[in-house]
Amino acid sequence: MYPTFTELSRVELTLYTDALITRGWVRTRQHRVTDILNHAEAPFLVLEDVTVDEIGDRGVPIRADVAQINLDAVLFAVADVPIERQRDLLARFRFASRDERAWIRDVMRRHCAEHFPDVEAP
C-alpha cells in the first residue's frame, strides 16, 4: 500500500547487534520486518519501552523509555509476534511416520549442537 494512507502501528521488535540485544516497540506504517528496516525514514530506528541486554551477559538488563538504534549496526531483527497454529504443527509431528520423526529429531539435534553447544539436545 501507499505509506501516506496507512496508519501508524506499534510493532514489537528484537534487534541484534554485535554486542547488544535490544527489545522494544517501533511506530511504523510497515508490517514486515524487512520493510521496517529497509524503508526507514532515517538511518536509525527509535524504539519505545526498551530492554537492552549485552550478548553473553547474565546481568540485569538496561531499561529505557526510548532508544535510538543505528540501522548499520543491526545484524538481524525478529518481530515478536505470537506463533499461530502451533497446535497444528505439534499435531503434524504426532501424526508423522517413524522415519519422519527420526529425521526431524536428527535435524534438531544437529542444529542444537552447531548453534547451542552448551545445551544438551534430548
PDB file of N, CA and C in Angstrom:
ATOM      1  N   MET A   1       0.840  -1.183   0.000  1.00  0.00           N
ATOM      2  CA  MET A   1       0.000   0.000   0.000  1.00  0.00           C
ATOM      3  C   MET A   1       0.882   1.243   0.000  1.00  0.00           C
ATOM      4  N   TYR A   2       0.224   2.359  -0.033  1.00  0.00           N
ATOM      5  CA  TYR A   2       0.928   3.623  -0.035  1.00  0.00           C
ATOM      6  C   TYR A   2       1.116   4.090   1.403  1.00  0.00           C
ATOM      7  N   PRO A   3       2.382   4.399   1.784  1.00  0.00           N
ATOM      8  CA  PRO A   3       2.653   4.746   3.177  1.00  0.00           C
ATOM      9  C   PRO A   3       1.857   5.933   3.694  1.00  0.00           C
ATOM     10  N   THR A   4       1.518   6.870   2.841  1.00  0.00           N
ATOM     11  CA  THR A   4       0.796   8.052   3.319  1.00  0.00           C
ATOM     12  C   THR A   4      -0.628   7.731   3.731  1.00  0.00           C
ATOM     13  N   PHE A   5      -1.174   6.602   3.247  1.00  0.00           N
ATOM     14  CA  PHE A   5      -2.543   6.233   3.567  1.00  0.00           C
ATOM     15  C   PHE A   5      -2.647   5.164   4.655  1.00  0.00           C
ATOM     16  N   THR A   6      -1.518   4.684   5.122  1.00  0.00           N
ATOM     17  CA  THR A   6      -1.505   3.637   6.129  1.00  0.00           C
ATOM     18  C   THR A   6      -1.281   4.267   7.499  1.00  0.00           C
ATOM     19  N   GLU A   7      -2.050   3.833   8.474  1.00  0.00           N
ATOM     20  CA  GLU A   7      -1.908   4.378   9.822  1.00  0.00           C
ATOM     21  C   GLU A   7      -0.688   3.800  10.522  1.00  0.00           C
ATOM     22  N   LEU A   8      -0.157   4.560  11.460  1.00  0.00           N
ATOM     23  CA  LEU A   8       0.965   4.086  12.266  1.00  0.00           C
ATOM     24  C   LEU A   8       0.494   2.979  13.201  1.00  0.00           C
ATOM     25  N   SER A   9       1.318   1.971  13.347  1.00  0.00           N
ATOM     26  CA  SER A   9       1.036   0.925  14.316  1.00  0.00           C
ATOM     27  C   SER A   9       2.311   0.670  15.113  1.00  0.00           C
ATOM     28  N   ARG A  10       2.148  -0.001  16.238  1.00  0.00           N
ATOM     29  CA  ARG A  10       3.309  -0.355  17.061  1.00  0.00           C
ATOM     30  C   ARG A  10       3.652  -1.809  16.803  1.00  0.00           C
ATOM     31  N   VAL A  11       4.917  -2.055  16.472  1.00  0.00           N
ATOM     32  CA  VAL A  11       5.408  -3.398  16.204  1.00  0.00           C
ATOM     33  C   VAL A  11       6.515  -3.700  17.204  1.00  0.00           C
ATOM     34  N   GLU A  12       6.410  -4.856  17.850  1.00  0.00           N
ATOM     35  CA  GLU A  12       7.438  -5.251  18.811  1.00  0.00           C
ATOM     36  C   GLU A  12       8.573  -5.948  18.068  1.00  0.00           C
ATOM     37  N   LEU A  13       9.809  -5.461  18.279  1.00  0.00           N
ATOM     38  CA  LEU A  13      10.982  -5.991  17.593  1.00  0.00           C
ATOM     39  C   LEU A  13      12.065  -6.378  18.591  1.00  0.00           C
ATOM     40  N   THR A  14      12.874  -7.340  18.189  1.00  0.00           N
ATOM     41  CA  THR A  14      14.129  -7.643  18.868  1.00  0.00           C
ATOM     42  C   THR A  14      15.219  -7.428  17.838  1.00  0.00           C
ATOM     43  N   LEU A  15      16.151  -6.519  18.141  1.00  0.00           N
ATOM     44  CA  LEU A  15      17.253  -6.186  17.238  1.00  0.00           C
ATOM     45  C   LEU A  15      18.554  -6.718  17.822  1.00  0.00           C
ATOM     46  N   TYR A  16      19.353  -7.370  16.993  1.00  0.00           N
ATOM     47  CA  TYR A  16      20.627  -7.932  17.418  1.00  0.00           C
ATOM     48  C   TYR A  16      21.754  -7.170  16.742  1.00  0.00           C
ATOM     49  N   THR A  17      22.700  -6.682  17.540  1.00  0.00           N
ATOM     50  CA  THR A  17      23.921  -6.084  17.014  1.00  0.00           C
ATOM     51  C   THR A  17      25.072  -6.994  17.435  1.00  0.00           C
ATOM     52  N   ASP A  18      26.305  -6.573  17.156  1.00  0.00           N
ATOM     53  CA  ASP A  18      27.438  -7.422  17.535  1.00  0.00           C
ATOM     54  C   ASP A  18      27.616  -7.514  19.045  1.00  0.00           C
ATOM     55  N   ALA A  19      27.050  -6.589  19.804  1.00  0.00           N
ATOM     56  CA  ALA A  19      27.256  -6.587  21.251  1.00  0.00           C
ATOM     57  C   ALA A  19      25.971  -6.582  22.074  1.00  0.00           C
ATOM     58  N   LEU A  20      24.844  -6.194  21.455  1.00  0.00           N
ATOM     59  CA  LEU A  20      23.628  -5.989  22.232  1.00  0.00           C
ATOM     60  C   LEU A  20      22.415  -6.700  21.631  1.00  0.00           C
ATOM     61  N   ILE A  21      21.476  -7.024  22.501  1.00  0.00           N
ATOM     62  CA  ILE A  21      20.159  -7.487  22.104  1.00  0.00           C
ATOM     63  C   ILE A  21      19.181  -6.444  22.630  1.00  0.00           C
ATOM     64  N   THR A  22      18.478  -5.787  21.729  1.00  0.00           N
ATOM     65  CA  THR A  22      17.581  -4.697  22.089  1.00  0.00           C
ATOM     66  C   THR A  22      16.154  -5.072  21.733  1.00  0.00           C
ATOM     67  N   ARG A  23      15.282  -5.024  22.745  1.00  0.00           N
ATOM     68  CA  ARG A  23      13.866  -5.339  22.538  1.00  0.00           C
ATOM     69  C   ARG A  23      13.045  -4.083  22.799  1.00  0.00           C
ATOM     70  N   GLY A  24      12.054  -3.850  21.945  1.00  0.00           N
ATOM     71  CA  GLY A  24      11.207  -2.692  22.150  1.00  0.00           C
ATOM     72  C   GLY A  24      10.154  -2.592  21.069  1.00  0.00           C
ATOM     73  N   TRP A  25       9.442  -1.493  21.088  1.00  0.00           N
ATOM     74  CA  TRP A  25       8.341  -1.240  20.155  1.00  0.00           C
ATOM     75  C   TRP A  25       8.728  -0.101  19.227  1.00  0.00           C
ATOM     76  N   VAL A  26       8.427  -0.256  17.950  1.00  0.00           N
ATOM     77  CA  VAL A  26       8.680   0.802  16.979  1.00  0.00           C
ATOM     78  C   VAL A  26       7.341   1.218  16.372  1.00  0.00           C
ATOM     79  N   ARG A  27       7.167   2.517  16.162  1.00  0.00           N
ATOM     80  CA  ARG A  27       5.972   3.025  15.487  1.00  0.00           C
ATOM     81  C   ARG A  27       6.291   3.090  14.001  1.00  0.00           C
ATOM     82  N   THR A  28       5.451   2.446  13.206  1.00  0.00           N
ATOM     83  CA  THR A  28       5.731   2.350  11.779  1.00  0.00           C
ATOM     84  C   THR A  28       4.449   2.161  10.986  1.00  0.00           C
ATOM     85  N   ARG A  29       4.546   2.452   9.714  1.00  0.00           N
ATOM     86  CA  ARG A  29       3.449   2.165   8.789  1.00  0.00           C
ATOM     87  C   ARG A  29       3.657   0.808   8.125  1.00  0.00           C
ATOM     88  N   GLN A  30       4.834   0.245   8.316  1.00  0.00           N
ATOM     89  CA  GLN A  30       5.178  -1.041   7.698  1.00  0.00           C
ATOM     90  C   GLN A  30       4.679  -2.190   8.571  1.00  0.00           C
ATOM     91  N   HIS A  31       4.545  -3.370   7.949  1.00  0.00           N
ATOM     92  CA  HIS A  31       4.079  -4.543   8.686  1.00  0.00           C
ATOM     93  C   HIS A  31       5.145  -5.631   8.754  1.00  0.00           C
ATOM     94  N   ARG A  32       5.999  -5.717   7.751  1.00  0.00           N
ATOM     95  CA  ARG A  32       7.037  -6.745   7.717  1.00  0.00           C
ATOM     96  C   ARG A  32       8.343  -6.181   8.250  1.00  0.00           C
ATOM     97  N   VAL A  33       9.124  -7.021   8.905  1.00  0.00           N
ATOM     98  CA  VAL A  33      10.402  -6.591   9.472  1.00  0.00           C
ATOM     99  C   VAL A  33      11.326  -6.052   8.378  1.00  0.00           C
ATOM    100  N   THR A  34      11.375  -6.733   7.244  1.00  0.00           N
ATOM    101  CA  THR A  34      12.254  -6.257   6.164  1.00  0.00           C
ATOM    102  C   THR A  34      11.861  -4.861   5.701  1.00  0.00           C
ATOM    103  N   ASP A  35      10.571  -4.584   5.626  1.00  0.00           N
ATOM    104  CA  ASP A  35      10.134  -3.249   5.231  1.00  0.00           C
ATOM    105  C   ASP A  35      10.455  -2.210   6.297  1.00  0.00           C
ATOM    106  N   ILE A  36      10.305  -2.585   7.558  1.00  0.00           N
ATOM    107  CA  ILE A  36      10.631  -1.659   8.649  1.00  0.00           C
ATOM    108  C   ILE A  36      12.097  -1.253   8.565  1.00  0.00           C
ATOM    109  N   LEU A  37      12.972  -2.219   8.310  1.00  0.00           N
ATOM    110  CA  LEU A  37      14.409  -1.938   8.257  1.00  0.00           C
ATOM    111  C   LEU A  37      14.824  -1.243   6.963  1.00  0.00           C
ATOM    112  N   ASN A  38      14.288  -1.687   5.840  1.00  0.00           N
ATOM    113  CA  ASN A  38      14.739  -1.171   4.539  1.00  0.00           C
ATOM    114  C   ASN A  38      14.073   0.123   4.102  1.00  0.00           C
ATOM    115  N   HIS A  39      12.904   0.421   4.660  1.00  0.00           N
ATOM    116  CA  HIS A  39      12.190   1.632   4.250  1.00  0.00           C
ATOM    117  C   HIS A  39      12.075   2.636   5.395  1.00  0.00           C
ATOM    118  N   ALA A  40      13.024   2.590   6.293  1.00  0.00           N
ATOM    119  CA  ALA A  40      13.027   3.540   7.409  1.00  0.00           C
ATOM    120  C   ALA A  40      13.254   4.946   6.866  1.00  0.00           C
ATOM    121  N   GLU A  41      12.654   5.925   7.520  1.00  0.00           N
ATOM    122  CA  GLU A  41      12.770   7.312   7.075  1.00  0.00           C
ATOM    123  C   GLU A  41      14.102   7.934   7.473  1.00  0.00           C
ATOM    124  N   ALA A  42      14.837   7.269   8.373  1.00  0.00           N
ATOM    125  CA  ALA A  42      16.130   7.770   8.846  1.00  0.00           C
ATOM    126  C   ALA A  42      17.086   6.580   8.934  1.00  0.00           C
ATOM    127  N   PRO A  43      18.386   6.839   9.123  1.00  0.00           N
ATOM    128  CA  PRO A  43      19.343   5.732   9.230  1.00  0.00           C
ATOM    129  C   PRO A  43      19.326   5.059  10.605  1.00  0.00           C
ATOM    130  N   PHE A  44      18.267   5.267  11.345  1.00  0.00           N
ATOM    131  CA  PHE A  44      18.131   4.666  12.675  1.00  0.00           C
ATOM    132  C   PHE A  44      16.664   4.383  12.946  1.00  0.00           C
ATOM    133  N   LEU A  45      16.416   3.539  13.942  1.00  0.00           N
ATOM    134  CA  LEU A  45      15.061   3.286  14.425  1.00  0.00           C
ATOM    135  C   LEU A  45      14.957   3.814  15.844  1.00  0.00           C
ATOM    136  N   VAL A  46      13.808   4.344  16.185  1.00  0.00           N
ATOM    137  CA  VAL A  46      13.540   4.772  17.553  1.00  0.00           C
ATOM    138  C   VAL A  46      12.593   3.742  18.164  1.00  0.00           C
ATOM    139  N   LEU A  47      13.051   3.084  19.214  1.00  0.00           N
ATOM    140  CA  LEU A  47      12.249   2.082  19.898  1.00  0.00           C
ATOM    141  C   LEU A  47      11.737   2.650  21.210  1.00  0.00           C
ATOM    142  N   GLU A  48      10.551   2.224  21.598  1.00  0.00           N
ATOM    143  CA  GLU A  48       9.944   2.636  22.864  1.00  0.00           C
ATOM    144  C   GLU A  48       9.866   1.437  23.797  1.00  0.00           C
ATOM    145  N   ASP A  49       9.775   1.703  25.106  1.00  0.00           N
ATOM    146  CA  ASP A  49       9.682   0.649  26.122  1.00  0.00           C
ATOM    147  C   ASP A  49      10.782  -0.392  25.895  1.00  0.00           C
ATOM    148  N   VAL A  50      12.017   0.051  25.992  1.00  0.00           N
ATOM    149  CA  VAL A  50      13.177  -0.720  25.552  1.00  0.00           C
ATOM    150  C   VAL A  50      13.832  -1.493  26.699  1.00  0.00           C
ATOM    151  N   THR A  51      14.295  -2.692  26.348  1.00  0.00           N
ATOM    152  CA  THR A  51      15.130  -3.506  27.222  1.00  0.00           C
ATOM    153  C   THR A  51      16.391  -3.848  26.434  1.00  0.00           C
ATOM    154  N   VAL A  52      17.565  -3.608  27.024  1.00  0.00           N
ATOM    155  CA  VAL A  52      18.837  -3.863  26.350  1.00  0.00           C
ATOM    156  C   VAL A  52      19.647  -4.849  27.183  1.00  0.00           C
ATOM    157  N   ASP A  53      20.088  -5.922  26.539  1.00  0.00           N
ATOM    158  CA  ASP A  53      20.959  -6.918  27.159  1.00  0.00           C
ATOM    159  C   ASP A  53      22.263  -6.963  26.385  1.00  0.00           C
ATOM    160  N   GLU A  54      23.376  -7.145  27.115  1.00  0.00           N
ATOM    161  CA  GLU A  54      24.630  -7.407  26.433  1.00  0.00           C
ATOM    162  C   GLU A  54      24.659  -8.877  26.072  1.00  0.00           C
ATOM    163  N   ILE A  55      25.166  -9.199  24.895  1.00  0.00           N
ATOM    164  CA  ILE A  55      25.245 -10.593  24.472  1.00  0.00           C
ATOM    165  C   ILE A  55      26.203 -11.325  25.396  1.00  0.00           C
ATOM    166  N   GLY A  56      25.742 -12.445  25.939  1.00  0.00           N
ATOM    167  CA  GLY A  56      26.559 -13.261  26.832  1.00  0.00           C
ATOM    168  C   GLY A  56      26.548 -12.811  28.277  1.00  0.00           C
ATOM    169  N   ASP A  57      25.900 -11.689  28.580  1.00  0.00           N
ATOM    170  CA  ASP A  57      25.852 -11.180  29.946  1.00  0.00           C
ATOM    171  C   ASP A  57      24.583 -11.676  30.623  1.00  0.00           C
ATOM    172  N   ARG A  58      24.726 -12.197  31.823  1.00  0.00           N
ATOM    173  CA  ARG A  58      23.565 -12.695  32.570  1.00  0.00           C
ATOM    174  C   ARG A  58      23.107 -11.683  33.625  1.00  0.00           C
ATOM    175  N   GLY A  59      23.591 -10.456  33.514  1.00  0.00           N
ATOM    176  CA  GLY A  59      23.227  -9.431  34.482  1.00  0.00           C
ATOM    177  C   GLY A  59      21.841  -8.870  34.252  1.00  0.00           C
ATOM    178  N   VAL A  60      21.545  -7.821  34.979  1.00  0.00           N
ATOM    179  CA  VAL A  60      20.243  -7.175  34.879  1.00  0.00           C
ATOM    180  C   VAL A  60      20.196  -6.348  33.593  1.00  0.00           C
ATOM    181  N   PRO A  61      19.158  -6.513  32.785  1.00  0.00           N
ATOM    182  CA  PRO A  61      19.061  -5.731  31.546  1.00  0.00           C
ATOM    183  C   PRO A  61      18.832  -4.251  31.837  1.00  0.00           C
ATOM    184  N   ILE A  62      19.243  -3.423  30.904  1.00  0.00           N
ATOM    185  CA  ILE A  62      19.033  -1.983  30.999  1.00  0.00           C
ATOM    186  C   ILE A  62      17.654  -1.677  30.419  1.00  0.00           C
ATOM    187  N   ARG A  63      16.894  -0.856  31.113  1.00  0.00           N
ATOM    188  CA  ARG A  63      15.561  -0.476  30.642  1.00  0.00           C
ATOM    189  C   ARG A  63      15.552   1.024  30.357  1.00  0.00           C
ATOM    190  N   ALA A  64      14.817   1.384  29.304  1.00  0.00           N
ATOM    191  CA  ALA A  64      14.705   2.795  28.938  1.00  0.00           C
ATOM    192  C   ALA A  64      13.352   3.022  28.276  1.00  0.00           C
ATOM    193  N   ASP A  65      12.876   4.256  28.363  1.00  0.00           N
ATOM    194  CA  ASP A  65      11.625   4.608  27.703  1.00  0.00           C
ATOM    195  C   ASP A  65      11.796   4.649  26.186  1.00  0.00           C
ATOM    196  N   VAL A  66      12.973   5.141  25.737  1.00  0.00           N
ATOM    197  CA  VAL A  66      13.244   5.313  24.318  1.00  0.00           C
ATOM    198  C   VAL A  66      14.709   4.996  24.049  1.00  0.00           C
ATOM    199  N   ALA A  67      14.977   4.398  22.877  1.00  0.00           N
ATOM    200  CA  ALA A  67      16.361   4.171  22.445  1.00  0.00           C
ATOM    201  C   ALA A  67      16.432   4.352  20.939  1.00  0.00           C
ATOM    202  N   GLN A  68      17.551   4.903  20.491  1.00  0.00           N
ATOM    203  CA  GLN A  68      17.792   5.092  19.061  1.00  0.00           C
ATOM    204  C   GLN A  68      18.823   4.057  18.634  1.00  0.00           C
ATOM    205  N   ILE A  69      18.480   3.233  17.645  1.00  0.00           N
ATOM    206  CA  ILE A  69      19.350   2.154  17.193  1.00  0.00           C
ATOM    207  C   ILE A  69      19.791   2.439  15.764  1.00  0.00           C
ATOM    208  N   ASN A  70      21.106   2.503  15.557  1.00  0.00           N
ATOM    209  CA  ASN A  70      21.677   2.732  14.236  1.00  0.00           C
ATOM    210  C   ASN A  70      21.428   1.502  13.371  1.00  0.00           C
ATOM    211  N   LEU A  71      20.789   1.663  12.231  1.00  0.00           N
ATOM    212  CA  LEU A  71      20.461   0.536  11.365  1.00  0.00           C
ATOM    213  C   LEU A  71      21.697  -0.157  10.800  1.00  0.00           C
ATOM    214  N   ASP A  72      22.795   0.578  10.640  1.00  0.00           N
ATOM    215  CA  ASP A  72      24.025  -0.043  10.148  1.00  0.00           C
ATOM    216  C   ASP A  72      24.603  -1.040  11.145  1.00  0.00           C
ATOM    217  N   ALA A  73      24.229  -0.912  12.421  1.00  0.00           N
ATOM    218  CA  ALA A  73      24.748  -1.815  13.446  1.00  0.00           C
ATOM    219  C   ALA A  73      23.892  -3.072  13.619  1.00  0.00           C
ATOM    220  N   VAL A  74      22.696  -3.091  13.033  1.00  0.00           N
ATOM    221  CA  VAL A  74      21.779  -4.217  13.209  1.00  0.00           C
ATOM    222  C   VAL A  74      22.228  -5.383  12.332  1.00  0.00           C
ATOM    223  N   LEU A  75      22.483  -6.541  12.978  1.00  0.00           N
ATOM    224  CA  LEU A  75      22.857  -7.746  12.245  1.00  0.00           C
ATOM    225  C   LEU A  75      21.622  -8.485  11.754  1.00  0.00           C
ATOM    226  N   PHE A  76      20.630  -8.620  12.627  1.00  0.00           N
ATOM    227  CA  PHE A  76      19.337  -9.171  12.230  1.00  0.00           C
ATOM    228  C   PHE A  76      18.283  -8.744  13.220  1.00  0.00           C
ATOM    229  N   ALA A  77      17.030  -8.886  12.791  1.00  0.00           N
ATOM    230  CA  ALA A  77      15.899  -8.449  13.602  1.00  0.00           C
ATOM    231  C   ALA A  77      14.801  -9.493  13.546  1.00  0.00           C
ATOM    232  N   VAL A  78      14.036  -9.551  14.623  1.00  0.00           N
ATOM    233  CA  VAL A  78      12.947 -10.509  14.725  1.00  0.00           C
ATOM    234  C   VAL A  78      11.716  -9.774  15.236  1.00  0.00           C
ATOM    235  N   ALA A  79      10.584  -9.989  14.569  1.00  0.00           N
ATOM    236  CA  ALA A  79       9.328  -9.432  15.053  1.00  0.00           C
ATOM    237  C   ALA A  79       8.803 -10.348  16.144  1.00  0.00           C
ATOM    238  N   ASP A  80       8.448  -9.793  17.248  1.00  0.00           N
ATOM    239  CA  ASP A  80       7.954 -10.575  18.378  1.00  0.00           C
ATOM    240  C   ASP A  80       6.447 -10.719  18.276  1.00  0.00           C
ATOM    241  N   VAL A  81       6.046 -11.615  17.400  1.00  0.00           N
ATOM    242  CA  VAL A  81       4.624 -11.904  17.219  1.00  0.00           C
ATOM    243  C   VAL A  81       4.374 -13.341  17.650  1.00  0.00           C
ATOM    244  N   PRO A  82       3.204 -13.601  18.194  1.00  0.00           N
ATOM    245  CA  PRO A  82       2.923 -14.974  18.617  1.00  0.00           C
ATOM    246  C   PRO A  82       2.840 -15.918  17.416  1.00  0.00           C
ATOM    247  N   ILE A  83       3.296 -17.126  17.620  1.00  0.00           N
ATOM    248  CA  ILE A  83       3.215 -18.138  16.582  1.00  0.00           C
ATOM    249  C   ILE A  83       1.808 -18.707  16.602  1.00  0.00           C
ATOM    250  N   GLU A  84       1.125 -18.528  15.501  1.00  0.00           N
ATOM    251  CA  GLU A  84      -0.236 -19.031  15.422  1.00  0.00           C
ATOM    252  C   GLU A  84      -0.220 -20.447  14.870  1.00  0.00           C
ATOM    253  N   ARG A  85      -1.223 -21.187  15.219  1.00  0.00           N
ATOM    254  CA  ARG A  85      -1.392 -22.549  14.744  1.00  0.00           C
ATOM    255  C   ARG A  85      -0.282 -23.478  15.230  1.00  0.00           C
ATOM    256  N   GLN A  86       0.298 -23.171  16.393  1.00  0.00           N
ATOM    257  CA  GLN A  86       1.339 -24.021  16.952  1.00  0.00           C
ATOM    258  C   GLN A  86       0.779 -25.415  17.253  1.00  0.00           C
ATOM    259  N   ARG A  87      -0.473 -25.474  17.648  1.00  0.00           N
ATOM    260  CA  ARG A  87      -1.118 -26.758  17.930  1.00  0.00           C
ATOM    261  C   ARG A  87      -1.142 -27.636  16.674  1.00  0.00           C
ATOM    262  N   ASP A  88      -1.380 -27.010  15.502  1.00  0.00           N
ATOM    263  CA  ASP A  88      -1.389 -27.764  14.247  1.00  0.00           C
ATOM    264  C   ASP A  88      -0.018 -28.354  13.938  1.00  0.00           C
ATOM    265  N   LEU A  89       1.042 -27.576  14.215  1.00  0.00           N
ATOM    266  CA  LEU A  89       2.397 -28.084  13.983  1.00  0.00           C
ATOM    267  C   LEU A  89       2.700 -29.275  14.877  1.00  0.00           C
ATOM    268  N   LEU A  90       2.303 -29.171  16.134  1.00  0.00           N
ATOM    269  CA  LEU A  90       2.524 -30.272  17.063  1.00  0.00           C
ATOM    270  C   LEU A  90       1.718 -31.498  16.643  1.00  0.00           C
ATOM    271  N   ALA A  91       0.498 -31.300  16.206  1.00  0.00           N
ATOM    272  CA  ALA A  91      -0.324 -32.423  15.740  1.00  0.00           C
ATOM    273  C   ALA A  91       0.311 -33.081  14.525  1.00  0.00           C
ATOM    274  N   ARG A  92       0.871 -32.282  13.629  1.00  0.00           N
ATOM    275  CA  ARG A  92       1.529 -32.844  12.438  1.00  0.00           C
ATOM    276  C   ARG A  92       2.715 -33.710  12.850  1.00  0.00           C
ATOM    277  N   PHE A  93       3.474 -33.265  13.852  1.00  0.00           N
ATOM    278  CA  PHE A  93       4.601 -34.058  14.333  1.00  0.00           C
ATOM    279  C   PHE A  93       4.107 -35.363  14.948  1.00  0.00           C
ATOM    280  N   ARG A  94       3.035 -35.300  15.696  1.00  0.00           N
ATOM    281  CA  ARG A  94       2.497 -36.503  16.343  1.00  0.00           C
ATOM    282  C   ARG A  94       2.010 -37.529  15.332  1.00  0.00           C
ATOM    283  N   PHE A  95       1.486 -37.059  14.194  1.00  0.00           N
ATOM    284  CA  PHE A  95       0.983 -37.973  13.172  1.00  0.00           C
ATOM    285  C   PHE A  95       2.044 -38.352  12.143  1.00  0.00           C
ATOM    286  N   ALA A  96       3.260 -37.854  12.319  1.00  0.00           N
ATOM    287  CA  ALA A  96       4.338 -38.175  11.382  1.00  0.00           C
ATOM    288  C   ALA A  96       4.720 -39.647  11.513  1.00  0.00           C
ATOM    289  N   SER A  97       5.246 -40.175  10.437  1.00  0.00           N
ATOM    290  CA  SER A  97       5.706 -41.567  10.469  1.00  0.00           C
ATOM    291  C   SER A  97       6.962 -41.664  11.340  1.00  0.00           C
ATOM    292  N   ARG A  98       7.349 -42.861  11.669  1.00  0.00           N
ATOM    293  CA  ARG A  98       8.549 -43.081  12.485  1.00  0.00           C
ATOM    294  C   ARG A  98       9.778 -42.492  11.799  1.00  0.00           C
ATOM    295  N   ASP A  99       9.887 -42.672  10.474  1.00  0.00           N
ATOM    296  CA  ASP A  99      11.029 -42.138   9.729  1.00  0.00           C
ATOM    297  C   ASP A  99      11.033 -40.612   9.726  1.00  0.00           C
ATOM    298  N   GLU A 100       9.843 -40.025   9.570  1.00  0.00           N
ATOM    299  CA  GLU A 100       9.754 -38.557   9.589  1.00  0.00           C
ATOM    300  C   GLU A 100      10.149 -38.011  10.954  1.00  0.00           C
ATOM    301  N   ARG A 101       9.691 -38.635  12.021  1.00  0.00           N
ATOM    302  CA  ARG A 101      10.061 -38.187  13.366  1.00  0.00           C
ATOM    303  C   ARG A 101      11.563 -38.310  13.595  1.00  0.00           C
ATOM    304  N   ALA A 102      12.141 -39.421  13.148  1.00  0.00           N
ATOM    305  CA  ALA A 102      13.589 -39.619  13.306  1.00  0.00           C
ATOM    306  C   ALA A 102      14.359 -38.536  12.558  1.00  0.00           C
ATOM    307  N   TRP A 103      13.903 -38.194  11.339  1.00  0.00           N
ATOM    308  CA  TRP A 103      14.571 -37.165  10.564  1.00  0.00           C
ATOM    309  C   TRP A 103      14.477 -35.809  11.268  1.00  0.00           C
ATOM    310  N   ILE A 104      13.287 -35.461  11.780  1.00  0.00           N
ATOM    311  CA  ILE A 104      13.099 -34.185  12.480  1.00  0.00           C
ATOM    312  C   ILE A 104      13.997 -34.113  13.710  1.00  0.00           C
ATOM    313  N   ARG A 105      14.025 -35.174  14.495  1.00  0.00           N
ATOM    314  CA  ARG A 105      14.872 -35.186  15.701  1.00  0.00           C
ATOM    315  C   ARG A 105      16.345 -35.049  15.339  1.00  0.00           C
ATOM    316  N   ASP A 106      16.777 -35.744  14.276  1.00  0.00           N
ATOM    317  CA  ASP A 106      18.173 -35.667  13.854  1.00  0.00           C
ATOM    318  C   ASP A 106      18.549 -34.246  13.442  1.00  0.00           C
ATOM    319  N   VAL A 107      17.681 -33.606  12.655  1.00  0.00           N
ATOM    320  CA  VAL A 107      17.943 -32.230  12.217  1.00  0.00           C
ATOM    321  C   VAL A 107      17.983 -31.284  13.416  1.00  0.00           C
ATOM    322  N   MET A 108      17.077 -31.462  14.354  1.00  0.00           N
ATOM    323  CA  MET A 108      17.049 -30.593  15.538  1.00  0.00           C
ATOM    324  C   MET A 108      18.283 -30.803  16.407  1.00  0.00           C
ATOM    325  N   ARG A 109      18.729 -32.045  16.556  1.00  0.00           N
ATOM    326  CA  ARG A 109      19.950 -32.314  17.338  1.00  0.00           C
ATOM    327  C   ARG A 109      21.175 -31.677  16.688  1.00  0.00           C
ATOM    328  N   ARG A 110      21.290 -31.807  15.361  1.00  0.00           N
ATOM    329  CA  ARG A 110      22.429 -31.195  14.673  1.00  0.00           C
ATOM    330  C   ARG A 110      22.379 -29.672  14.787  1.00  0.00           C
ATOM    331  N   HIS A 111      21.192 -29.101  14.674  1.00  0.00           N
ATOM    332  CA  HIS A 111      21.037 -27.648  14.813  1.00  0.00           C
ATOM    333  C   HIS A 111      21.464 -27.194  16.213  1.00  0.00           C
ATOM    334  N   CYS A 112      20.998 -27.899  17.236  1.00  0.00           N
ATOM    335  CA  CYS A 112      21.368 -27.546  18.611  1.00  0.00           C
ATOM    336  C   CYS A 112      22.865 -27.690  18.833  1.00  0.00           C
ATOM    337  N   ALA A 113      23.455 -28.777  18.328  1.00  0.00           N
ATOM    338  CA  ALA A 113      24.892 -28.999  18.504  1.00  0.00           C
ATOM    339  C   ALA A 113      25.712 -27.898  17.841  1.00  0.00           C
ATOM    340  N   GLU A 114      25.259 -27.436  16.677  1.00  0.00           N
ATOM    341  CA  GLU A 114      26.001 -26.409  15.952  1.00  0.00           C
ATOM    342  C   GLU A 114      25.827 -25.024  16.556  1.00  0.00           C
ATOM    343  N   HIS A 115      24.596 -24.673  16.922  1.00  0.00           N
ATOM    344  CA  HIS A 115      24.311 -23.301  17.343  1.00  0.00           C
ATOM    345  C   HIS A 115      24.229 -23.122  18.862  1.00  0.00           C
ATOM    346  N   PHE A 116      24.013 -24.195  19.603  1.00  0.00           N
ATOM    347  CA  PHE A 116      23.904 -24.124  21.049  1.00  0.00           C
ATOM    348  C   PHE A 116      24.711 -25.257  21.674  1.00  0.00           C
ATOM    349  N   PRO A 117      26.047 -25.216  21.556  1.00  0.00           N
ATOM    350  CA  PRO A 117      26.861 -26.344  22.013  1.00  0.00           C
ATOM    351  C   PRO A 117      26.778 -26.609  23.516  1.00  0.00           C
ATOM    352  N   ASP A 118      26.379 -25.622  24.293  1.00  0.00           N
ATOM    353  CA  ASP A 118      26.298 -25.811  25.742  1.00  0.00           C
ATOM    354  C   ASP A 118      24.966 -26.453  26.169  1.00  0.00           C
ATOM    355  N   VAL A 119      24.042 -26.641  25.225  1.00  0.00           N
ATOM    356  CA  VAL A 119      22.741 -27.226  25.531  1.00  0.00           C
ATOM    357  C   VAL A 119      22.739 -28.675  25.066  1.00  0.00           C
ATOM    358  N   GLU A 120      22.320 -29.565  25.943  1.00  0.00           N
ATOM    359  CA  GLU A 120      22.226 -30.971  25.587  1.00  0.00           C
ATOM    360  C   GLU A 120      20.863 -31.234  24.956  1.00  0.00           C
ATOM    361  N   ALA A 121      20.883 -31.651  23.701  1.00  0.00           N
ATOM    362  CA  ALA A 121      19.637 -31.921  22.986  1.00  0.00           C
ATOM    363  C   ALA A 121      19.036 -33.233  23.466  1.00  0.00           C
ATOM    364  N   PRO A 122      17.714 -33.302  23.586  1.00  0.00           N
ATOM    365  CA  PRO A 122      17.080 -34.546  24.036  1.00  0.00           C
ATOM    366  C   PRO A 122      17.181 -35.650  22.994  1.00  0.00           C
TER     367      PRO A 122
END
